[in-house]
Protein backbone atom coordinates (compact mmCIF):
# COMPACT_ATOMS: atom_id res chain seq x y z
CA UNK A 1 0.00 0.00 0.00
CA UNK A 2 1.33 3.42 -0.92
CA UNK A 3 0.45 6.59 0.93
CA UNK A 4 2.00 10.01 1.41
CA UNK A 5 2.65 10.55 5.08
CA UNK A 6 2.44 13.77 7.01
CA UNK A 7 6.23 13.81 7.42
CA UNK A 8 8.28 13.68 4.25
CA UNK A 9 11.40 15.46 5.46
CA UNK A 10 14.28 13.68 7.18
CA UNK A 11 13.42 14.24 10.82
CA UNK A 12 14.85 11.56 13.14
CA UNK A 13 12.41 8.75 13.87
CA UNK A 14 12.29 6.33 16.78
CA UNK A 15 11.70 2.65 17.37
CA UNK A 16 9.12 1.94 20.07
CA UNK A 17 8.64 -1.41 21.78
CA UNK A 18 5.85 -1.32 24.39
CA UNK A 19 6.07 2.49 24.32
CA UNK A 20 9.72 2.57 25.46
CA UNK A 21 12.37 4.35 23.43
CA UNK A 22 14.97 1.76 22.50
CA UNK A 23 16.90 2.94 19.47
CA UNK A 24 17.12 5.49 16.71
CA UNK A 25 16.59 4.42 13.12
CA UNK A 26 19.47 5.72 10.99
CA UNK A 27 18.96 7.60 7.75
CA UNK A 28 20.45 6.28 4.56
CA UNK A 29 22.02 7.70 1.44
CA UNK A 30 20.10 8.71 -1.67
CA UNK A 31 20.53 5.14 -2.95
CA UNK A 32 18.63 3.72 0.02
CA UNK A 33 15.20 4.70 1.34
CA UNK A 34 14.79 6.30 4.73
CA UNK A 35 13.10 3.72 6.95
CA UNK A 36 10.84 4.19 9.97
CA UNK A 37 9.96 1.19 12.09
CA UNK A 38 7.71 0.52 15.08
CA UNK A 39 7.61 -2.90 16.79
CA UNK A 40 4.50 -3.56 18.87
CA UNK A 41 3.33 -6.33 21.18
CA UNK A 42 -0.12 -7.91 20.61
CA UNK A 43 -1.92 -11.14 21.48
CA UNK A 44 -4.29 -13.48 19.68
CA UNK A 45 -6.19 -16.21 21.56
CA UNK A 46 -3.81 -15.88 24.49
CA UNK A 47 -0.65 -16.20 22.36
CA UNK A 48 1.74 -13.27 21.79
CA UNK A 49 2.73 -11.96 18.41
CA UNK A 50 4.94 -9.12 17.22
CA UNK A 51 3.55 -6.55 14.83
CA UNK A 52 6.14 -4.66 12.75
CA UNK A 53 5.04 -1.37 11.18
CA UNK A 54 7.40 -0.35 8.37
CA UNK A 55 7.45 2.82 6.34
CA UNK A 56 9.99 3.76 3.69
CA UNK A 57 10.35 6.38 0.98
CA UNK A 58 9.06 5.68 -2.52
CA UNK A 59 11.45 8.20 -4.08
CA UNK A 60 14.44 5.90 -3.57
CA UNK A 61 12.77 3.04 -5.46
CA UNK A 62 12.80 2.36 -9.19
CA UNK A 63 9.53 2.51 -11.15
CA UNK A 64 8.56 0.31 -14.05
CA UNK A 65 5.78 0.73 -16.61
CA UNK A 66 3.29 -2.08 -17.12
CA UNK A 67 -0.30 -2.37 -18.30
CA UNK A 68 -1.61 -0.70 -15.13
CA UNK A 69 0.82 2.26 -15.17
CA UNK A 70 4.05 3.24 -13.45
CA UNK A 71 4.66 1.49 -10.14
CA UNK A 72 7.38 0.64 -7.63
CA UNK A 73 8.02 -2.68 -5.92
CA UNK A 74 10.07 -3.52 -2.83
CA UNK A 75 10.98 -6.93 -1.41
CA UNK A 76 10.60 -6.84 2.37
CA UNK A 77 11.95 -9.51 4.72
CA UNK A 78 11.39 -9.53 8.50
CA UNK A 79 13.25 -12.11 10.62
CA UNK A 80 13.11 -12.83 14.38
CA UNK A 81 16.06 -14.81 15.73
CA UNK A 82 16.65 -16.33 19.16
CA UNK A 83 20.01 -17.90 20.05
CA UNK A 84 21.01 -18.02 16.36
CA UNK A 85 17.79 -19.84 15.47
CA UNK A 86 15.09 -18.33 13.25
CA UNK A 87 11.98 -18.12 15.42
CA UNK A 88 9.72 -16.38 12.88
CA UNK A 89 10.04 -15.15 9.33
CA UNK A 90 7.99 -12.96 7.01
CA UNK A 91 8.49 -12.01 3.37
CA UNK A 92 6.35 -9.80 1.12
CA UNK A 93 6.39 -7.79 -2.10
CA UNK A 94 5.22 -4.25 -1.36
CA UNK A 95 3.79 -2.96 -4.63
CA UNK A 96 3.07 0.72 -5.11
CA UNK A 97 -0.23 2.02 -6.48
CA UNK A 98 0.07 2.43 -10.29
CA UNK A 99 0.21 6.03 -11.53
CA UNK A 100 0.27 7.83 -14.84
CA UNK A 101 3.90 9.03 -14.62
CA UNK A 102 7.13 7.75 -13.15
CA UNK A 103 7.48 10.83 -10.93
CA UNK A 104 3.97 10.50 -9.50
CA UNK A 105 4.53 6.82 -8.67
CA UNK A 106 7.55 7.79 -6.53
CA UNK A 107 5.78 10.35 -4.36
CA UNK A 108 5.17 9.69 -0.67
CA UNK A 109 6.06 6.51 1.16
CA UNK A 110 5.25 2.80 1.25
CA UNK A 111 3.73 1.12 4.30
CA UNK A 112 3.96 -2.55 5.26
CA UNK A 113 2.64 -4.41 8.28
CA UNK A 114 4.12 -7.79 9.24
CA UNK A 115 2.80 -10.05 12.02
CA UNK A 116 5.05 -12.73 13.51
CA UNK A 117 3.75 -15.33 15.99
CA UNK A 118 6.37 -15.97 18.72
CA UNK A 119 6.80 -17.23 22.27
CA UNK A 120 7.78 -14.97 25.18
CA UNK A 121 11.50 -14.23 25.22
CA UNK A 122 14.32 -12.07 23.88
CA UNK A 123 14.88 -11.74 20.14
CA UNK A 124 16.96 -10.08 17.45
CA UNK A 125 14.82 -8.41 14.79
CA UNK A 126 16.22 -7.92 11.27
CA UNK A 127 14.45 -6.00 8.52
CA UNK A 128 15.62 -5.95 4.89
CA UNK A 129 14.15 -3.77 2.11
CA UNK A 130 15.31 -4.32 -1.50
CA UNK A 131 14.35 -2.49 -4.70
CA UNK A 132 12.82 -5.28 -6.81
CA UNK A 133 13.31 -3.39 -10.09
CA UNK A 134 16.99 -2.54 -9.59
CA UNK A 135 19.30 -5.56 -9.58
CA UNK A 136 22.30 -3.39 -8.63
CA UNK A 137 20.65 -1.87 -5.57
CA UNK A 138 21.82 -2.86 -2.11
CA UNK A 139 19.27 -3.86 0.47
CA UNK A 140 18.49 -1.41 3.26
CA UNK A 141 18.78 -3.21 6.59
CA UNK A 142 17.63 -2.41 10.13
CA UNK A 143 18.40 -4.52 13.21
CA UNK A 144 17.47 -4.22 16.87
CA UNK A 145 16.90 -6.31 20.02
CA UNK A 146 13.47 -6.72 21.58
CA UNK A 147 11.69 -8.68 24.31
CA UNK A 148 8.27 -10.33 24.07
CA UNK A 149 6.59 -10.43 27.51
CA UNK A 150 4.59 -13.27 29.05
CA UNK A 151 0.95 -12.96 27.88
CA UNK A 152 -0.85 -14.13 31.02
CA UNK A 153 -1.21 -11.00 33.16
CA UNK A 154 -3.83 -8.34 32.37
CA UNK A 155 -2.00 -5.94 30.08
CA UNK A 156 -2.35 -3.53 27.19
CA UNK A 157 -1.06 -4.10 23.73
CA UNK A 158 1.19 -1.35 22.43
CA UNK A 159 -1.02 1.53 21.30
CA UNK A 160 -0.46 3.21 17.95
CA UNK A 161 -1.71 6.40 16.35
CA UNK A 162 -4.13 6.14 13.41
CA UNK A 163 -3.55 8.37 10.40
CA UNK A 164 -6.61 7.33 8.37
CA UNK A 165 -9.46 4.88 8.82
CA UNK A 166 -12.65 3.66 7.15
CA UNK A 167 -15.19 0.93 7.81
CA UNK A 168 -13.80 -2.43 6.70
CA UNK A 169 -15.45 -5.13 4.64
CA UNK A 170 -16.13 -7.87 7.18
CA UNK A 171 -16.21 -10.47 4.43
CA UNK A 172 -12.79 -9.44 3.11
CA UNK A 173 -10.59 -8.27 6.02
CA UNK A 174 -7.09 -7.00 5.27
CA UNK A 175 -3.87 -6.81 7.27
CA UNK A 176 -4.93 -3.37 8.56
CA UNK A 177 -8.48 -4.43 9.59
CA UNK A 178 -9.30 -4.14 13.31
CA UNK A 179 -12.62 -4.01 15.15
CA UNK A 180 -14.62 -3.23 12.03
CA UNK A 181 -12.24 -0.60 10.61
CA UNK A 182 -9.31 -0.46 8.22
CA UNK A 183 -6.67 1.62 10.01
CA UNK A 184 -3.46 3.11 8.63
CA UNK A 185 -0.97 3.52 11.52
CA UNK A 186 1.15 6.63 11.96
CA UNK A 187 4.62 5.18 12.40
CA UNK A 188 6.77 6.72 15.14
CA UNK A 189 4.08 8.43 17.23
CA UNK A 190 4.16 11.62 15.15
CA UNK A 191 1.12 13.43 13.79
CA UNK A 192 0.15 16.49 11.77
CA UNK A 193 -0.09 19.79 13.64
CA UNK A 194 -3.40 20.42 11.84
CA UNK A 195 -5.10 17.52 13.62
CA UNK A 196 -7.66 18.59 16.24
CA UNK A 197 -8.13 15.02 17.53
CA UNK A 198 -5.61 12.22 17.77
CA UNK A 199 -7.08 8.77 16.89
CA UNK A 200 -5.40 5.74 18.47
CA UNK A 201 -5.93 2.02 18.85
CA UNK A 202 -4.97 -0.54 21.52
CA UNK A 203 -6.23 -3.82 22.99
CA UNK A 204 -6.64 -4.88 26.62
CA UNK A 205 -6.02 -8.56 27.39
CA UNK A 206 -7.28 -10.82 30.22
CA UNK A 207 -9.45 -8.17 31.92
CA UNK A 208 -12.05 -10.88 32.58
CA UNK A 209 -9.60 -12.58 34.94
CA UNK A 210 -9.76 -9.68 37.42
CA UNK A 211 -13.15 -8.05 36.65
CA UNK A 212 -16.52 -9.81 36.61
CA UNK A 213 -18.38 -7.49 34.24
CA UNK A 214 -18.17 -3.73 33.79
CA UNK A 215 -14.98 -1.74 34.21
CA UNK A 216 -13.65 1.69 33.20
CA UNK A 217 -11.33 2.59 30.34
CA UNK A 218 -9.89 6.08 30.20
CA UNK A 219 -7.43 8.05 28.10
CA UNK A 220 -5.74 11.42 28.41
CA UNK A 221 -2.69 13.44 27.49
CA UNK A 222 0.00 14.32 29.99
CA UNK A 223 3.28 16.17 29.78
CA UNK A 224 6.52 14.28 30.25
CA UNK A 225 6.78 15.68 33.78
CA UNK A 226 3.46 13.99 34.65
CA UNK A 227 1.05 16.95 34.46
CA UNK A 228 -2.37 15.69 33.31
CA UNK A 229 -4.31 17.82 30.83
CA UNK A 230 -7.80 17.42 32.30
CA UNK A 231 -9.61 18.66 29.17
CA UNK A 232 -8.24 15.71 27.22
CA UNK A 233 -9.63 13.08 29.61
CA UNK A 234 -12.22 10.67 28.24
CA UNK A 235 -13.99 7.79 30.06
CA UNK A 236 -15.64 4.66 28.64
CA UNK A 237 -17.60 1.86 30.34
CA UNK A 238 -16.57 -1.53 28.95
CA UNK A 239 -17.53 -5.16 29.51
CA UNK A 240 -14.72 -7.47 30.53
CA UNK A 241 -13.53 -10.13 28.11
CA UNK A 242 -10.36 -11.93 26.99
CA UNK A 243 -9.72 -9.13 24.45
CA UNK A 244 -11.28 -5.65 24.69
CA UNK A 245 -10.45 -3.31 21.77
CA UNK A 246 -10.02 0.41 22.44
CA UNK A 247 -10.41 2.70 19.40
CA UNK A 248 -10.88 6.32 20.35
CA UNK A 249 -9.34 9.78 19.98
CA UNK A 250 -7.82 12.47 22.16
CA UNK A 251 -8.78 16.16 21.71
CA UNK A 252 -5.69 18.31 21.12
CA UNK A 253 -7.08 21.82 21.53
CA UNK A 254 -5.06 24.01 23.86
CA UNK A 255 -2.04 21.74 24.28
CA UNK A 256 1.36 23.41 24.42
CA UNK A 257 3.62 21.41 22.11
CA UNK A 258 6.75 23.26 23.13
CA UNK A 259 6.98 20.40 25.66
CA UNK A 260 6.74 16.70 24.80
CA UNK A 261 3.68 14.65 25.80
CA UNK A 262 2.50 11.11 26.46
CA UNK A 263 -0.77 9.55 25.42
CA UNK A 264 -1.98 7.54 28.44
CA UNK A 265 -4.53 4.71 28.37
CA UNK A 266 -5.76 3.07 31.56
CA UNK A 267 -8.14 0.33 32.66
CA UNK A 268 -9.55 0.35 36.21
CA UNK A 269 -12.20 -1.43 38.29
CA UNK A 270 -15.35 0.28 39.54
CA UNK A 271 -13.45 0.83 42.79
CA UNK A 272 -10.76 2.69 40.82
CA UNK A 273 -8.18 -0.07 41.22
CA UNK A 274 -5.87 0.11 38.21
CA UNK A 275 -5.89 -3.04 36.07
CA UNK A 276 -3.37 -1.94 33.43
CA UNK A 277 -1.85 1.28 32.16
CA UNK A 278 0.20 2.21 29.09
CA UNK A 279 1.97 5.28 27.72
CA UNK A 280 2.95 6.28 24.20
CA UNK A 281 5.24 9.23 23.52
CA UNK A 282 3.70 11.43 20.82
CA UNK A 283 4.73 14.65 19.13
CA UNK A 284 3.62 16.83 16.22
CA UNK A 285 5.75 16.93 13.12
CA UNK A 286 8.08 19.91 13.27
CA UNK A 287 8.67 21.86 10.09
CA UNK A 288 12.34 22.16 9.19
CA UNK A 289 11.73 25.11 6.90
CA UNK A 290 8.79 26.92 5.40
CA UNK A 291 11.00 29.28 3.42
CA UNK A 292 9.96 29.80 -0.18
CA UNK A 293 12.42 29.42 -3.02
CA UNK A 294 13.48 32.44 -5.12
CA UNK A 295 10.39 32.12 -7.35
CA UNK A 296 8.15 32.58 -4.31
CA UNK A 297 6.81 29.00 -4.60
CA UNK A 298 7.21 26.85 -1.44
CA UNK A 299 9.70 23.99 -1.81
CA UNK A 300 7.09 21.26 -1.36
CA UNK A 301 5.24 22.61 -4.43
CA UNK A 302 8.34 23.62 -6.39
CA UNK A 303 9.35 19.94 -6.31
CA UNK A 304 6.64 19.33 -8.94
CA UNK A 305 8.34 20.13 -12.25
CA UNK A 306 6.64 17.70 -14.64
CA UNK A 307 3.51 19.26 -16.15
CA UNK A 308 1.49 16.02 -16.39
CA UNK A 309 2.30 15.01 -12.83
CA UNK A 310 1.46 18.49 -11.53
CA UNK A 311 -1.79 18.62 -13.50
CA UNK A 312 -2.96 15.30 -12.06
CA UNK A 313 -1.97 16.45 -8.57
CA UNK A 314 -4.08 19.60 -9.00
CA UNK A 315 -7.04 17.56 -10.30
CA UNK A 316 -6.83 15.55 -7.07
CA UNK A 317 -7.57 18.82 -5.25
CA UNK A 318 -10.94 19.23 -6.99
CA UNK A 319 -13.00 17.65 -4.14
CA UNK A 320 -11.62 20.09 -1.56
CA UNK A 321 -11.86 23.22 -3.72
CA UNK A 322 -14.31 26.08 -3.41
CA UNK A 323 -16.61 26.54 -6.48
CA UNK A 324 -14.29 29.14 -8.02
CA UNK A 325 -11.26 26.89 -7.49
CA UNK A 326 -13.09 23.94 -9.01
CA UNK A 327 -13.95 26.01 -12.08
CA UNK A 328 -10.30 27.02 -12.43
CA UNK A 329 -9.23 23.38 -12.22
CA UNK A 330 -11.87 22.31 -14.74
CA UNK A 331 -11.40 25.03 -17.36
CA UNK A 332 -7.95 26.60 -17.09
CA UNK A 333 -5.38 24.14 -15.74
CA UNK A 334 -5.12 22.05 -18.92
CA UNK A 335 -3.56 25.02 -20.76
CA UNK A 336 -1.57 26.41 -17.81
CA UNK A 337 2.23 26.43 -17.59
CA UNK A 338 4.10 24.69 -14.79
CA UNK A 339 4.73 28.06 -13.13
CA UNK A 340 1.03 28.95 -13.29
CA UNK A 341 0.00 25.58 -11.86
CA UNK A 342 2.56 25.92 -9.05
CA UNK A 343 1.24 29.40 -8.24
CA UNK A 344 -2.36 28.12 -8.18
CA UNK A 345 -1.45 25.26 -5.83
CA UNK A 346 0.51 27.60 -3.54
CA UNK A 347 -2.44 30.03 -3.30
CA UNK A 348 -4.84 27.12 -2.80
CA UNK A 349 -3.18 26.06 0.45
CA UNK A 350 -2.56 29.59 1.63
CA UNK A 351 -6.34 30.05 1.42
CA UNK A 352 -7.31 26.72 2.99
CA UNK A 353 -4.73 26.47 5.82
CA UNK A 354 -3.12 29.92 6.16
CA UNK A 355 -1.38 29.15 9.48
CA UNK A 356 0.57 26.20 8.09
CA UNK A 357 -0.09 25.59 4.37
CA UNK A 358 2.49 22.81 4.06
CA UNK A 359 0.96 20.71 6.83
CA UNK A 360 -2.47 21.18 5.27
CA UNK A 361 -1.10 19.98 1.96
CA UNK A 362 0.66 16.98 3.51
CA UNK A 363 -2.47 15.94 5.39
CA UNK A 364 -4.51 16.12 2.20
CA UNK A 365 -1.90 14.16 0.22
CA UNK A 366 -2.27 11.38 2.79
CA UNK A 367 -6.05 11.40 2.31
CA UNK A 368 -5.66 11.36 -1.49
CA UNK A 369 -3.34 8.36 -1.34
CA UNK A 370 -5.79 6.50 0.89
CA UNK A 371 -8.64 7.40 -1.48
CA UNK A 372 -6.59 6.17 -4.45
CA UNK A 373 -5.92 2.85 -2.74
CA UNK A 374 -9.47 2.19 -1.50
CA UNK A 375 -11.72 3.79 -4.15
CA UNK A 376 -9.59 4.30 -7.25
CA UNK A 377 -9.61 0.81 -8.77
CA UNK A 378 -12.26 1.77 -11.34
CA UNK A 379 -10.58 5.07 -12.30
CA UNK A 380 -7.01 3.99 -13.01
CA UNK A 381 -6.07 4.42 -9.37
CA UNK A 382 -7.40 7.99 -8.99
CA UNK A 383 -9.82 8.01 -6.05
CA UNK A 384 -10.65 11.72 -6.44
CA UNK A 385 -12.35 10.86 -9.75
CA UNK A 386 -14.86 8.54 -8.03
CA UNK A 387 -17.95 9.65 -6.12
CA UNK A 388 -16.88 7.81 -2.97
CA UNK A 389 -13.38 9.25 -3.15
CA UNK A 390 -14.79 12.73 -3.75
CA UNK A 391 -17.02 12.58 -0.65
CA UNK A 392 -14.20 11.09 1.46
CA UNK A 393 -11.76 13.85 0.42
CA UNK A 394 -14.27 16.65 0.88
CA UNK A 395 -15.85 15.60 4.17
CA UNK A 396 -13.41 13.09 5.64
CA UNK A 397 -14.17 9.52 6.80
CA UNK A 398 -17.85 8.90 7.65
CA UNK A 399 -18.87 8.07 11.19
CA UNK A 400 -20.87 5.02 10.12
CA UNK A 401 -21.16 2.99 6.92
CA UNK A 402 -23.91 0.55 5.99
CA UNK A 403 -22.90 -1.87 3.20
CA UNK A 404 -25.41 -3.94 1.25
CA UNK A 405 -23.44 -5.35 -1.66
CA UNK A 406 -25.06 -8.77 -1.93
CA UNK A 407 -28.13 -10.72 -0.96
CA UNK A 408 -30.77 -7.97 -1.45
CA UNK A 409 -33.49 -7.22 -4.00
CA UNK A 410 -31.86 -3.83 -4.62
CA UNK A 411 -28.85 -2.72 -6.54
CA UNK A 412 -25.69 -2.98 -4.36
CA UNK A 413 -25.55 0.13 -2.17
CA UNK A 414 -23.79 1.85 0.71
CA UNK A 415 -25.01 4.58 3.07
CA UNK A 416 -22.45 6.90 4.64
CA UNK A 417 -23.53 8.93 7.66
CA UNK A 418 -21.68 11.96 9.02
CA UNK A 419 -22.26 13.46 12.43
CA UNK A 420 -20.70 16.59 10.94
CA UNK A 421 -19.93 17.35 7.29
CA UNK A 422 -18.38 20.78 6.86
CA UNK A 423 -20.62 23.20 8.77
CA UNK A 424 -23.63 20.84 8.66
CA UNK A 425 -24.63 18.04 11.02
CA UNK A 426 -26.35 14.67 10.53
CA UNK A 427 -25.81 14.26 6.78
CA UNK A 428 -26.09 11.14 4.64
CA UNK A 429 -24.76 9.95 1.29
CA UNK A 430 -26.22 6.95 -0.56
CA UNK A 431 -24.07 5.28 -3.21
CA UNK A 432 -25.13 2.46 -5.52
CA UNK A 433 -23.71 0.27 -8.26
CA UNK A 434 -26.14 0.27 -11.20
CA UNK A 435 -23.84 -1.96 -13.24
CA UNK A 436 -23.47 -4.48 -10.39
CA UNK A 437 -19.73 -3.78 -10.11
CA UNK A 438 -19.06 -3.39 -6.40
CA UNK A 439 -15.71 -1.63 -6.79
CA UNK A 440 -17.16 1.56 -8.33
CA UNK A 441 -20.23 3.11 -6.70
CA UNK A 442 -22.04 6.24 -7.88
CA UNK A 443 -23.64 8.83 -5.60
CA UNK A 444 -27.41 8.41 -6.01
CA UNK A 445 -28.74 10.72 -3.29
CA UNK A 446 -27.65 12.93 -0.38
CA UNK A 447 -29.38 15.30 2.00
CA UNK A 448 -26.25 17.49 1.98
CA UNK A 449 -26.79 20.94 0.51
CA UNK A 450 -25.09 21.25 -2.89
CA UNK A 451 -24.71 17.50 -3.46
CA UNK A 452 -26.79 15.13 -5.61
CA UNK A 453 -30.39 15.08 -4.40
CA UNK A 454 -32.77 12.59 -5.97
CA UNK A 455 -36.21 12.27 -4.37
CA UNK A 456 -36.89 9.16 -6.41
CA UNK A 457 -33.77 7.37 -5.18
CA UNK A 458 -35.64 4.45 -3.60
CA UNK A 459 -37.45 3.76 -6.89
CA UNK A 460 -34.16 3.76 -8.77
CA UNK A 461 -32.44 1.62 -6.15
CA UNK A 462 -35.06 -1.10 -6.28
CA UNK A 463 -35.58 -0.89 -10.03
CA UNK A 464 -33.60 -4.12 -10.07
CA UNK A 465 -36.81 -5.93 -9.06
CA UNK A 466 -39.09 -3.35 -10.75
CA UNK A 467 -41.90 -3.80 -8.23
CA UNK A 468 -42.63 -0.16 -7.32
CA UNK A 469 -46.19 1.01 -7.76
CA UNK A 470 -46.59 4.41 -9.43
CA UNK A 471 -48.67 5.78 -6.56
CA UNK A 472 -45.94 4.95 -4.03
CA UNK A 473 -43.29 6.67 -6.15
CA UNK A 474 -45.42 9.80 -6.51
CA UNK A 475 -46.10 9.97 -2.77
CA UNK A 476 -42.41 9.71 -1.92
CA UNK A 477 -41.46 12.35 -4.51
CA UNK A 478 -44.17 14.89 -3.78
CA UNK A 479 -44.57 14.49 -0.05
CA UNK A 480 -41.35 12.97 1.40
CA UNK A 481 -42.35 13.15 5.05
CA UNK A 482 -41.31 10.53 7.55
CA UNK A 483 -44.87 9.21 7.98
CA UNK A 484 -45.13 8.41 4.25
CA UNK A 485 -41.97 6.30 4.08
CA UNK A 486 -42.38 2.78 2.83
CA UNK A 487 -40.40 1.26 5.67
CA UNK A 488 -38.17 -0.67 3.30
CA UNK A 489 -34.67 -1.44 4.53
CA UNK A 490 -32.74 1.15 2.44
CA UNK A 491 -35.11 3.92 3.51
CA UNK A 492 -35.01 2.85 7.14
CA UNK A 493 -31.20 2.72 7.09
CA UNK A 494 -30.95 6.09 5.37
CA UNK A 495 -33.08 7.97 7.89
CA UNK A 496 -32.03 5.91 10.91
CA UNK A 497 -28.29 5.28 10.43
CA UNK A 498 -26.64 2.80 12.75
């Protein structure tokens, strides 16, 4: 999976095992990708396993052109050794998302997640990353020692920050699927300064061995000297079990990031006896330089010098643009020079995130890459050109998703519900696949101002069985009040999302 992370400059990154700083990951020459690595402790059915989160730069890899477009490919090996014996081994080809140009395919970074089942003990971890398309390239290698603890006592897994997430397909889970969501981790505990909330994920194990039923989970932010920021505290009542997932977020408003902070998660009984507690050091990405080059264009935009690559990058901004910006993209960018396109992109982010345009751009690039990966299969890898990708990029991830792809009398459909979309609350988007191709859904109806609104959407959706009576269709079109609804499942799910 390819995605552009919030941090693309060469700031030092750290290896975390159980939230403890163990080692620094070195940076490599231009012939080798910079590598970031987190090693985390998890359990499955009472047995421990190590989860390795790897991220490395795409720009150091070679691209090749095939029938799908330009793409990179890296061979990744992860080995755990104990007393000179291989205890666990993983190997994978990490293939980049195909793009229209060689330069575009080398933007951002690659992410790989490897899970290795092991027994408690001390190990030597070795990671090797090799450019599959360059036979002369040397492998980039990272090595470190780690310890896997005994899994019996009530304990937390290692928490990690979540950079992007969406509801997962329960019938087709992926390596990043957890508790009903696909989650992209933020490697290294660093996040964008534009984020107002910090999503995270962790799991609590064996709570049922010390608690009969209900117990309390809490999370907060504290400074490294132990001062708790009370406004960040959140409490959750949970039911004890062998594994209790914890997917939540921390509000970041008002925190002073001139000092470092820890994300704290805690489980306690109803008598406030602590069951388990965990800390993760987190920090915002620090800009090395926001100085513009002599042309007045910021360096992160001046790096785009190929006209086709830059034009596609600007088209990816269409979902986020104001109406005037969308018209400029639609009618003027095709004939613009590279300098004019760079100037447009620079002004775009000055208008949208004036305090820190570069961080706004980097955050959006991450969302675009996620959209390309999840929604772009039917548009040559360009998620912004799909209706689902457009809504995701404009309004962010939905709060709930209902998927009905199979086993209904209707066309395959999805309903996305947003607690807040822009300045509006409680908005819904209904997508369907009229050609019965589940990978590319069209927006059929939304109650969001300015989006597609089709009062006859239920008729169209169930036209697959063609059983609608004319009088019912006219009632729903001319008098769409709640007491005239048919009560059919799509209508019930649309107006009562869950």
